[in-house]
Amino acid sequence: MLLAVSLAWAAPTDRYEELTGEHDDFDVEEKPWQEERGAVPPLPESGWTEVQLDSLPPRQHAYLALDGVTVGEKDQVVRYWLSIRSEGGGEMTTYEGIHCGRRGFIVYAYGRPGRKPPVRKARHPWWKPLEAVHGLRYRLELAEDVFCSGEVPRTLRQIRQAAQGRYEQANPFDNWTNDD
């Protein structure tokens, strides 16, 4: 009885193992992640959509330029223009990136419509962790509620819908389709 169990355990599980006699898993060589840096797009003059972010202080509102949101094909970074505006007239506009799998964000540039030039690149952009620390909670909320589906970015269609408060039922295979 014990011999039959051990032979069944060692039996090939697929045709490849049966033909080659190899029982090891395939070796997968993972390439180190490398960011695709590109040009900073111009500051959008219109097309801003308000995004409901519960982590912002009262009387502050977040806006995304949805037409300018991109997802890097190779590095999977969601890049976007974000504007945080207060009812008192203050405004902070940034061009940022979020990487869902690495759970990090980066600020590429700052924008101010009345300034010449209206876009100023960050001097030394570097990746910071998306942690729920004071002042950064809204980025974590953006990642979890708008841009990411777990460790992968949502499709552009899903990002637009989530930014407007419309969510689809989660489909783990949705990122395998090209429906944008």
Protein backbone atom coordinates (compact mmCIF):
# COMPACT_ATOMS: atom_id res chain seq x y z
CA MET A 1 0.00 0.00 0.00
CA LEU A 2 2.78 2.43 0.90
CA LEU A 3 4.65 1.56 -2.31
CA ALA A 4 1.59 2.29 -4.45
CA VAL A 5 1.15 5.71 -2.82
CA SER A 6 4.81 6.64 -3.36
CA LEU A 7 4.70 5.54 -7.04
CA ALA A 8 1.56 7.57 -7.64
CA TRP A 9 3.24 10.59 -6.06
CA ALA A 10 6.24 10.30 -8.40
CA ALA A 11 4.18 9.79 -11.56
CA PRO A 12 4.45 12.48 -14.24
CA THR A 13 1.75 15.12 -13.99
CA ASP A 14 1.76 16.28 -17.61
CA ARG A 15 2.91 15.20 -21.07
CA TYR A 16 6.17 17.21 -20.89
CA GLU A 17 7.22 15.45 -17.70
CA GLU A 18 6.20 12.10 -19.19
CA LEU A 19 8.36 12.62 -22.31
CA THR A 20 11.40 14.23 -20.70
CA GLY A 21 11.39 12.66 -17.27
CA GLU A 22 11.89 16.15 -15.74
CA HIS A 23 9.80 16.80 -12.68
CA ASP A 24 11.10 20.24 -11.74
CA ASP A 25 9.13 23.42 -12.21
CA PHE A 26 10.16 25.65 -15.05
CA ASP A 27 12.72 28.23 -14.08
CA VAL A 28 11.35 31.70 -14.54
CA GLU A 29 13.92 34.41 -14.88
CA GLU A 30 12.47 37.63 -13.54
CA LYS A 31 13.87 40.80 -15.00
CA PRO A 32 14.51 43.63 -12.58
CA TRP A 33 11.88 46.37 -12.79
CA GLN A 34 12.95 49.42 -14.73
CA GLU A 35 10.98 52.63 -14.96
CA GLU A 36 10.17 54.19 -18.35
CA ARG A 37 10.85 57.89 -18.00
CA GLY A 38 9.23 60.04 -20.62
CA ALA A 39 8.47 63.68 -21.20
CA VAL A 40 6.12 65.46 -18.82
CA PRO A 41 2.91 66.30 -20.71
CA PRO A 42 1.64 69.88 -20.73
CA LEU A 43 -0.63 71.03 -17.94
CA PRO A 44 -4.23 70.41 -19.05
CA GLU A 45 -6.33 73.54 -19.38
CA SER A 46 -9.65 71.69 -19.16
CA GLY A 47 -11.10 68.22 -18.69
CA TRP A 48 -10.58 67.97 -14.93
CA THR A 49 -12.90 65.51 -13.14
CA GLU A 50 -13.53 65.72 -9.41
CA VAL A 51 -12.59 62.53 -7.57
CA GLN A 52 -14.15 61.77 -4.19
CA LEU A 53 -11.30 61.19 -1.73
CA ASP A 54 -12.40 60.73 1.87
CA SER A 55 -8.88 61.20 3.22
CA LEU A 56 -8.62 64.87 2.19
CA PRO A 57 -9.25 67.50 4.85
CA PRO A 58 -12.66 69.18 4.85
CA ARG A 59 -13.16 71.84 2.15
CA GLN A 60 -10.46 70.36 -0.09
CA HIS A 61 -11.25 68.65 -3.38
CA ALA A 62 -9.23 66.44 -5.72
CA TYR A 63 -9.39 66.62 -9.52
CA LEU A 64 -7.86 64.29 -12.11
CA ALA A 65 -7.24 65.11 -15.76
CA LEU A 66 -8.75 61.82 -16.93
CA ASP A 67 -7.86 62.31 -20.60
CA GLY A 68 -4.18 62.43 -19.66
CA VAL A 69 -4.05 59.30 -17.47
CA THR A 70 -1.68 56.69 -18.90
CA VAL A 71 -0.48 53.24 -17.91
CA GLY A 72 3.08 52.38 -18.95
CA GLU A 73 3.16 49.29 -21.15
CA LYS A 74 6.49 48.05 -19.84
CA ASP A 75 6.77 49.50 -16.33
CA GLN A 76 3.03 49.42 -15.43
CA VAL A 77 3.17 52.88 -13.83
CA VAL A 78 -0.07 54.87 -13.79
CA ARG A 79 0.81 58.49 -14.63
CA TYR A 80 -1.62 61.36 -14.11
CA TRP A 81 -2.15 65.06 -13.43
CA LEU A 82 -3.73 65.65 -10.01
CA SER A 83 -4.98 68.94 -8.59
CA ILE A 84 -5.88 69.41 -4.93
CA ARG A 85 -7.91 72.60 -4.47
CA SER A 86 -9.22 74.22 -1.32
CA GLU A 87 -12.40 76.25 -1.09
CA GLY A 88 -10.23 79.12 0.15
CA GLY A 89 -8.46 79.38 -3.21
CA GLY A 90 -5.29 77.34 -2.62
CA GLU A 91 -4.23 74.83 -5.25
CA MET A 92 -1.51 72.21 -5.61
CA THR A 93 -1.16 70.54 -9.00
CA THR A 94 1.29 67.72 -9.64
CA TYR A 95 2.16 65.23 -12.36
CA GLU A 96 2.68 61.92 -10.56
CA GLY A 97 3.07 58.20 -11.01
CA ILE A 98 1.86 55.26 -8.93
CA HIS A 99 3.16 51.69 -9.21
CA CYS A 100 0.56 49.28 -7.88
CA GLY A 101 2.84 46.26 -7.39
CA ARG A 102 5.66 48.16 -5.69
CA ARG A 103 3.16 50.29 -3.74
CA GLY A 104 5.04 53.49 -4.42
CA PHE A 105 4.52 56.95 -5.88
CA ILE A 106 6.68 59.59 -7.52
CA VAL A 107 6.16 63.29 -8.28
CA TYR A 108 7.54 64.17 -11.71
CA ALA A 109 6.46 67.81 -11.99
CA TYR A 110 4.51 70.66 -10.43
CA GLY A 111 2.00 72.81 -12.27
CA ARG A 112 0.62 76.29 -11.76
CA PRO A 113 -1.56 77.73 -14.53
CA GLY A 114 -0.60 81.40 -14.00
CA ARG A 115 3.14 80.84 -13.81
CA LYS A 116 5.61 81.07 -16.70
CA PRO A 117 6.31 78.28 -17.54
CA PRO A 118 3.22 76.60 -16.10
CA VAL A 119 5.03 73.28 -15.53
CA ARG A 120 8.19 72.85 -13.49
CA LYS A 121 9.88 69.44 -13.36
CA ALA A 122 10.82 68.04 -9.97
CA ARG A 123 14.55 68.44 -9.46
CA HIS A 124 15.22 64.95 -8.14
CA PRO A 125 12.14 62.75 -8.51
CA TRP A 126 12.36 59.57 -6.44
CA TRP A 127 9.99 56.81 -5.48
CA LYS A 128 8.40 56.94 -2.03
CA PRO A 129 6.26 54.28 -0.34
CA LEU A 130 2.48 54.59 -0.46
CA GLU A 131 1.91 54.55 3.25
CA ALA A 132 -1.01 55.86 5.22
CA VAL A 133 1.08 58.61 6.81
CA HIS A 134 -0.07 62.15 7.46
CA GLY A 135 -0.49 64.08 4.23
CA LEU A 136 -0.05 61.09 1.92
CA ARG A 137 -3.23 59.15 2.68
CA TYR A 138 -5.00 60.55 -0.39
CA ARG A 139 -2.42 58.91 -2.69
CA LEU A 140 -2.96 55.54 -1.03
CA GLU A 141 -6.70 56.04 -1.44
CA LEU A 142 -6.19 56.94 -5.14
CA ALA A 143 -4.14 53.79 -5.65
CA GLU A 144 -6.56 51.46 -3.88
CA ASP A 145 -9.84 52.96 -5.08
CA VAL A 146 -9.07 54.36 -8.53
CA PHE A 147 -5.85 53.15 -10.15
CA CYS A 148 -5.08 49.64 -8.91
CA SER A 149 -6.74 46.27 -8.83
CA GLY A 150 -4.52 44.61 -6.27
CA GLU A 151 -0.96 44.66 -7.57
CA VAL A 152 -1.84 45.46 -11.19
CA PRO A 153 -3.14 48.70 -12.66
CA ARG A 154 -6.72 48.84 -13.84
CA THR A 155 -7.46 49.41 -17.50
CA LEU A 156 -7.98 53.02 -18.59
CA ARG A 157 -11.71 52.36 -18.89
CA GLN A 158 -11.83 51.03 -15.32
CA ILE A 159 -9.77 54.00 -14.04
CA ARG A 160 -12.16 56.49 -15.68
CA GLN A 161 -15.17 54.70 -14.21
CA ALA A 162 -13.63 54.41 -10.73
CA ALA A 163 -12.68 58.11 -10.74
CA GLN A 164 -16.33 58.91 -11.40
CA GLY A 165 -17.49 56.60 -8.60
CA ARG A 166 -18.65 53.75 -10.84
CA TYR A 167 -17.08 50.37 -10.15
CA GLU A 168 -17.33 47.09 -11.99
CA GLN A 169 -17.45 43.72 -10.35
CA ALA A 170 -13.87 42.50 -9.92
CA ASN A 171 -12.71 40.17 -12.68
CA PRO A 172 -9.20 38.76 -12.13
CA PHE A 173 -8.78 38.16 -15.86
CA ASP A 174 -9.88 41.62 -17.00
CA ASN A 175 -6.29 42.85 -17.39
CA TRP A 176 -5.70 40.12 -19.99
CA THR A 177 -8.02 41.82 -22.46
CA ASN A 178 -7.30 44.88 -24.52
CA ASP A 179 -10.58 46.73 -24.42
CA ASP A 180 -9.38 50.33 -24.09
